[in-house]
Amino acid sequence: MKFYFEKGKIEKSWIQQYCRGDWEACVRYQKEEAGIYHPDNMMPDGHINTNLK
């Protein structure tokens, strides 16, 4: 997410809400903790953003 945010491809609200806020609700975090693969373009709420490349 940091990469896409720094490139201006996602809004700051994603970082504030999930990365600095309720990170335990982040689907990406949950998958990483469980050792489950997730694509780089998966958003914190679990949806796949096909605009991110």
C-alpha atoms as a PDB file:
ATOM      1  CA  MET A   1       0.000   0.000   0.000  1.00  0.00           C
ATOM      2  CA  LYS A   2       2.853   2.382   0.757  1.00  0.00           C
ATOM      3  CA  PHE A   3       4.197   1.940  -2.768  1.00  0.00           C
ATOM      4  CA  TYR A   4       0.840   2.783  -4.369  1.00  0.00           C
ATOM      5  CA  PHE A   5       0.238   5.689  -1.982  1.00  0.00           C
ATOM      6  CA  GLU A   6       3.651   7.204  -2.732  1.00  0.00           C
ATOM      7  CA  LYS A   7       2.946   6.864  -6.464  1.00  0.00           C
ATOM      8  CA  GLY A   8      -0.350   8.740  -5.957  1.00  0.00           C
ATOM      9  CA  LYS A   9      -2.442   5.746  -7.001  1.00  0.00           C
ATOM     10  CA  ILE A  10      -4.452   5.363  -3.780  1.00  0.00           C
ATOM     11  CA  GLU A  11      -5.885   7.936  -1.417  1.00  0.00           C
ATOM     12  CA  LYS A  12      -4.373   8.773   1.948  1.00  0.00           C
ATOM     13  CA  SER A  13      -7.576   7.627   3.649  1.00  0.00           C
ATOM     14  CA  TRP A  14      -6.600   3.964   3.007  1.00  0.00           C
ATOM     15  CA  ILE A  15      -3.370   4.469   4.923  1.00  0.00           C
ATOM     16  CA  GLN A  16      -5.023   6.402   7.728  1.00  0.00           C
ATOM     17  CA  GLN A  17      -7.935   4.021   8.193  1.00  0.00           C
ATOM     18  CA  TYR A  18      -6.125   0.707   7.992  1.00  0.00           C
ATOM     19  CA  CYS A  19      -2.367   1.132   8.304  1.00  0.00           C
ATOM     20  CA  ARG A  20      -2.438   3.719  11.072  1.00  0.00           C
ATOM     21  CA  GLY A  21      -5.908   3.065  12.410  1.00  0.00           C
ATOM     22  CA  ASP A  22      -7.744  -0.223  12.633  1.00  0.00           C
ATOM     23  CA  TRP A  23      -4.961  -2.342  11.144  1.00  0.00           C
ATOM     24  CA  GLU A  24      -6.364  -5.545  12.652  1.00  0.00           C
ATOM     25  CA  ALA A  25      -9.392  -5.121  10.367  1.00  0.00           C
ATOM     26  CA  CYS A  26      -7.079  -4.992   7.348  1.00  0.00           C
ATOM     27  CA  VAL A  27      -7.613  -8.101   5.208  1.00  0.00           C
ATOM     28  CA  ARG A  28      -4.059  -7.788   3.873  1.00  0.00           C
ATOM     29  CA  TYR A  29      -2.697  -7.851   7.425  1.00  0.00           C
ATOM     30  CA  GLN A  30      -4.860 -10.848   8.336  1.00  0.00           C
ATOM     31  CA  LYS A  31      -3.616 -12.788   5.316  1.00  0.00           C
ATOM     32  CA  GLU A  32       0.020 -11.904   5.978  1.00  0.00           C
ATOM     33  CA  GLU A  33      -0.262 -13.000   9.609  1.00  0.00           C
ATOM     34  CA  ALA A  34      -1.823 -16.300   8.516  1.00  0.00           C
ATOM     35  CA  GLY A  35       0.809 -16.852   5.816  1.00  0.00           C
ATOM     36  CA  ILE A  36      -1.810 -16.702   3.057  1.00  0.00           C
ATOM     37  CA  TYR A  37      -0.854 -15.260  -0.333  1.00  0.00           C
ATOM     38  CA  HIS A  38      -2.546 -12.056  -1.458  1.00  0.00           C
ATOM     39  CA  PRO A  39      -1.881 -10.057  -4.618  1.00  0.00           C
ATOM     40  CA  ASP A  40      -0.137  -6.696  -4.366  1.00  0.00           C
ATOM     41  CA  ASN A  41      -3.211  -4.929  -5.689  1.00  0.00           C
ATOM     42  CA  MET A  42      -5.466  -6.226  -2.917  1.00  0.00           C
ATOM     43  CA  MET A  43      -6.829  -3.301  -0.950  1.00  0.00           C
ATOM     44  CA  PRO A  44      -7.035  -3.357   2.859  1.00  0.00           C
ATOM     45  CA  ASP A  45     -10.767  -4.140   2.723  1.00  0.00           C
ATOM     46  CA  GLY A  46     -10.048  -7.220   0.596  1.00  0.00           C
ATOM     47  CA  HIS A  47     -11.158  -6.049  -2.829  1.00  0.00           C
ATOM     48  CA  ILE A  48      -8.809  -6.288  -5.789  1.00  0.00           C
ATOM     49  CA  ASN A  49      -8.069  -2.926  -7.399  1.00  0.00           C
ATOM     50  CA  THR A  50      -7.440  -3.755 -11.052  1.00  0.00           C
ATOM     51  CA  ASN A  51      -6.260  -0.168 -11.682  1.00  0.00           C
ATOM     52  CA  LEU A  52      -3.097  -0.769  -9.670  1.00  0.00           C
ATOM     53  CA  LYS A  53      -0.199  -2.116 -11.660  1.00  0.00           C
END
